[in-house]
Amino acid sequence: MVLKRLLAEFNRGQIRCAAIGGFALGVLGVPRQTMDLDFLVHGDDMTKVDAIVASLGYKRVFHSENVSQYCHDDGAWGSLDFVHAFRQISLAVLQRAKSYPVFEATQSVKAVDAEDVIGLKVQAMCNDATRSAQERADVERLMTRYGKRLDWERIEEYYALFGLAEEAKRLRERFGGAD
């Protein structure tokens, strides 16, 4: 299985990373079918990540300061997306990530907090309007599951970064209760 092998290699290479995107939704108990695996990875570890995924047969198809994307010739292996953590805010997100057991507790995977998944989804919907409906649906599913347990101040900060403070207020009233 791709994920088992990938996690083992990341563990062996001491890669500082955490699941994000649809993969993180599943880890956080809100499963959604996804065609790729998304990770936030410490920028200093990207050279090691590149070597690991290349050894597994992946080819890098896109690279920028912020992201790297990989595909495999065997479609069963899917694609991999890595967001590079090097700014203070993304390093803090990575630092907050928690470990969750997977594969009947034989391995673990780190995933970012629900609030940080929400923040990344807000960024994604603002960066690409065609993704807005799916991203909003994912956000609402997380808010339904975690509700009042969420750090609403952090969520409101993310929304405010993208000029969506009013939307955050409405969501807090709907899912988190008003203070």
Protein backbone atom coordinates (compact mmCIF):
# COMPACT_ATOMS: atom_id res chain seq x y z
CA MET A 1 0.00 0.00 0.00
CA VAL A 2 1.28 3.42 -1.01
CA LEU A 3 0.53 5.26 2.21
CA LYS A 4 2.07 2.61 4.45
CA ARG A 5 5.29 2.67 2.45
CA LEU A 6 5.37 6.45 2.24
CA LEU A 7 4.81 6.89 5.99
CA ALA A 8 7.51 4.33 6.77
CA GLU A 9 9.99 6.15 4.54
CA PHE A 10 9.07 9.55 6.00
CA ASN A 11 9.53 8.14 9.49
CA ARG A 12 12.88 6.60 8.57
CA GLY A 13 14.00 9.91 7.02
CA GLN A 14 12.70 11.92 10.00
CA ILE A 15 10.61 14.09 7.69
CA ARG A 16 8.72 16.82 9.52
CA CYS A 17 5.35 16.69 7.82
CA ALA A 18 1.63 16.48 8.43
CA ALA A 19 -1.40 15.49 6.39
CA ILE A 20 -3.50 18.28 4.94
CA GLY A 21 -6.39 18.46 2.47
CA GLY A 22 -8.77 15.58 1.87
CA PHE A 23 -6.34 13.14 3.46
CA ALA A 24 -6.36 15.14 6.71
CA LEU A 25 -10.16 15.23 6.64
CA GLY A 26 -10.19 11.44 6.82
CA VAL A 27 -7.63 11.36 9.62
CA LEU A 28 -9.78 13.88 11.53
CA GLY A 29 -12.89 11.71 11.15
CA VAL A 30 -14.53 13.47 8.21
CA PRO A 31 -13.64 11.14 5.31
CA ARG A 32 -13.83 12.31 1.72
CA GLN A 33 -12.66 10.52 -1.38
CA THR A 34 -9.48 12.08 -2.71
CA MET A 35 -7.25 11.31 -5.65
CA ASP A 36 -4.01 12.50 -4.08
CA LEU A 37 -2.18 12.75 -0.80
CA ASP A 38 -1.43 16.23 0.47
CA PHE A 39 1.21 17.06 3.04
CA LEU A 40 2.60 20.15 4.69
CA VAL A 41 6.34 19.53 4.95
CA HIS A 42 9.11 21.53 6.57
CA GLY A 43 10.90 23.38 3.78
CA ASP A 44 14.29 22.17 5.01
CA ASP A 45 13.17 18.56 4.48
CA MET A 46 12.13 18.90 0.82
CA THR A 47 15.46 17.61 -0.53
CA LYS A 48 14.98 14.42 1.49
CA VAL A 49 11.31 14.21 0.44
CA ASP A 50 12.31 14.53 -3.21
CA ALA A 51 14.78 11.65 -2.86
CA ILE A 52 12.27 9.46 -1.00
CA VAL A 53 9.43 9.91 -3.48
CA ALA A 54 11.81 9.49 -6.44
CA SER A 55 12.99 6.17 -4.93
CA LEU A 56 9.33 5.09 -4.91
CA GLY A 57 8.98 5.88 -8.61
CA TYR A 58 7.37 9.32 -8.44
CA LYS A 59 8.35 12.09 -10.85
CA ARG A 60 8.19 15.74 -9.93
CA VAL A 61 5.80 17.49 -12.33
CA PHE A 62 5.71 20.91 -10.68
CA HIS A 63 7.89 22.79 -8.25
CA SER A 64 7.81 26.33 -6.90
CA GLU A 65 8.90 28.08 -3.75
CA ASN A 66 5.59 27.06 -2.15
CA VAL A 67 4.63 23.63 -3.50
CA SER A 68 5.91 20.46 -5.16
CA GLN A 69 3.71 17.98 -7.02
CA TYR A 70 4.57 14.43 -8.01
CA CYS A 71 2.94 11.76 -10.20
CA HIS A 72 3.58 8.06 -10.59
CA ASP A 73 3.43 6.09 -13.85
CA ASP A 74 1.30 3.49 -12.04
CA GLY A 75 -2.04 5.23 -11.45
CA ALA A 76 -2.65 3.07 -8.37
CA TRP A 77 0.11 5.04 -6.63
CA GLY A 78 -1.75 8.31 -7.21
CA SER A 79 -0.20 11.72 -6.94
CA LEU A 80 1.48 13.57 -4.08
CA ASP A 81 1.29 17.26 -3.28
CA PHE A 82 3.60 18.95 -0.79
CA VAL A 83 3.11 22.45 0.57
CA HIS A 84 6.46 23.79 1.78
CA ALA A 85 6.42 25.14 5.33
CA PHE A 86 8.94 27.93 5.68
CA ARG A 87 6.94 30.97 6.74
CA GLN A 88 6.18 31.55 10.41
CA ILE A 89 2.47 30.77 10.02
CA SER A 90 3.01 27.45 8.20
CA LEU A 91 5.77 26.40 10.59
CA ALA A 92 3.35 27.03 13.47
CA VAL A 93 0.72 24.89 11.72
CA LEU A 94 3.27 22.09 11.37
CA GLN A 95 4.32 22.45 15.01
CA ARG A 96 0.69 22.04 16.18
CA ALA A 97 0.12 18.86 14.16
CA LYS A 98 -0.78 15.78 16.16
CA SER A 99 -0.18 12.07 15.58
CA TYR A 100 -3.09 9.75 14.83
CA PRO A 101 -2.99 5.95 14.63
CA VAL A 102 -3.60 4.39 11.22
CA PHE A 103 -3.63 0.86 9.79
CA GLU A 104 -5.09 -0.70 12.93
CA ALA A 105 -2.63 1.32 15.04
CA THR A 106 0.44 -0.26 13.40
CA GLN A 107 1.60 3.15 12.19
CA SER A 108 0.79 6.78 12.86
CA VAL A 109 0.40 9.85 10.73
CA LYS A 110 0.58 13.45 11.77
CA ALA A 111 -2.29 15.67 10.66
CA VAL A 112 -2.77 19.37 11.10
CA ASP A 113 -5.50 20.59 13.45
CA ALA A 114 -9.04 20.99 12.15
CA GLU A 115 -8.68 24.77 12.46
CA ASP A 116 -5.59 24.69 10.26
CA VAL A 117 -7.27 22.46 7.68
CA ILE A 118 -10.03 25.07 7.61
CA GLY A 119 -7.46 27.85 7.14
CA LEU A 120 -5.83 26.01 4.24
CA LYS A 121 -9.23 25.41 2.67
CA VAL A 122 -10.10 29.11 2.95
CA GLN A 123 -6.83 29.89 1.18
CA ALA A 124 -7.57 27.30 -1.52
CA MET A 125 -11.05 28.63 -2.24
CA CYS A 126 -9.71 32.17 -2.46
CA ASN A 127 -6.87 31.10 -4.76
CA ASP A 128 -9.14 29.10 -7.09
CA ALA A 129 -12.83 30.01 -7.26
CA THR A 130 -13.62 26.76 -9.11
CA ARG A 131 -12.78 24.88 -5.88
CA SER A 132 -14.93 27.07 -3.68
CA ALA A 133 -17.97 24.78 -3.39
CA GLN A 134 -15.93 21.69 -2.42
CA GLU A 135 -13.73 23.65 0.00
CA ARG A 136 -16.75 25.24 1.72
CA ALA A 137 -18.42 21.83 1.99
CA ASP A 138 -15.28 20.39 3.61
CA VAL A 139 -15.11 23.32 6.04
CA GLU A 140 -18.74 22.89 7.04
CA ARG A 141 -18.26 19.15 7.59
CA LEU A 142 -15.34 19.86 9.94
CA MET A 143 -17.33 22.54 11.73
CA THR A 144 -20.28 20.16 12.11
CA ARG A 145 -18.02 17.51 13.65
CA TYR A 146 -16.00 19.77 15.97
CA GLY A 147 -18.34 22.75 16.56
CA LYS A 148 -17.71 24.46 19.88
CA ARG A 149 -14.45 22.55 20.40
CA LEU A 150 -12.82 24.55 17.59
CA ASP A 151 -10.53 27.49 18.27
CA TRP A 152 -12.84 30.01 16.65
CA GLU A 153 -10.41 32.89 17.15
CA ARG A 154 -7.82 31.10 15.00
CA ILE A 155 -10.47 30.35 12.37
CA GLU A 156 -11.57 33.97 12.34
CA GLU A 157 -7.94 35.05 11.85
CA TYR A 158 -7.68 32.83 8.77
CA TYR A 159 -10.90 34.20 7.30
CA ALA A 160 -9.81 37.77 8.05
CA LEU A 161 -6.53 37.20 6.16
CA PHE A 162 -8.62 36.72 3.03
CA GLY A 163 -11.18 39.47 3.67
CA LEU A 164 -13.87 37.04 4.80
CA ALA A 165 -14.36 38.13 8.41
CA GLU A 166 -18.14 38.37 8.06
CA GLU A 167 -18.36 34.82 6.68
CA ALA A 168 -16.39 33.58 9.70
CA LYS A 169 -18.80 35.32 12.07
CA ARG A 170 -21.79 33.66 10.38
CA LEU A 171 -20.11 30.27 10.53
CA ARG A 172 -19.25 30.72 14.21
CA GLU A 173 -22.89 31.57 15.00
CA ARG A 174 -24.07 28.55 13.03
CA PHE A 175 -21.54 25.92 14.18
CA GLY A 176 -19.81 27.22 17.27
CA GLY A 177 -22.37 29.23 19.10
CA ALA A 178 -22.02 32.94 19.71
CA ASP A 179 -19.98 34.16 22.66
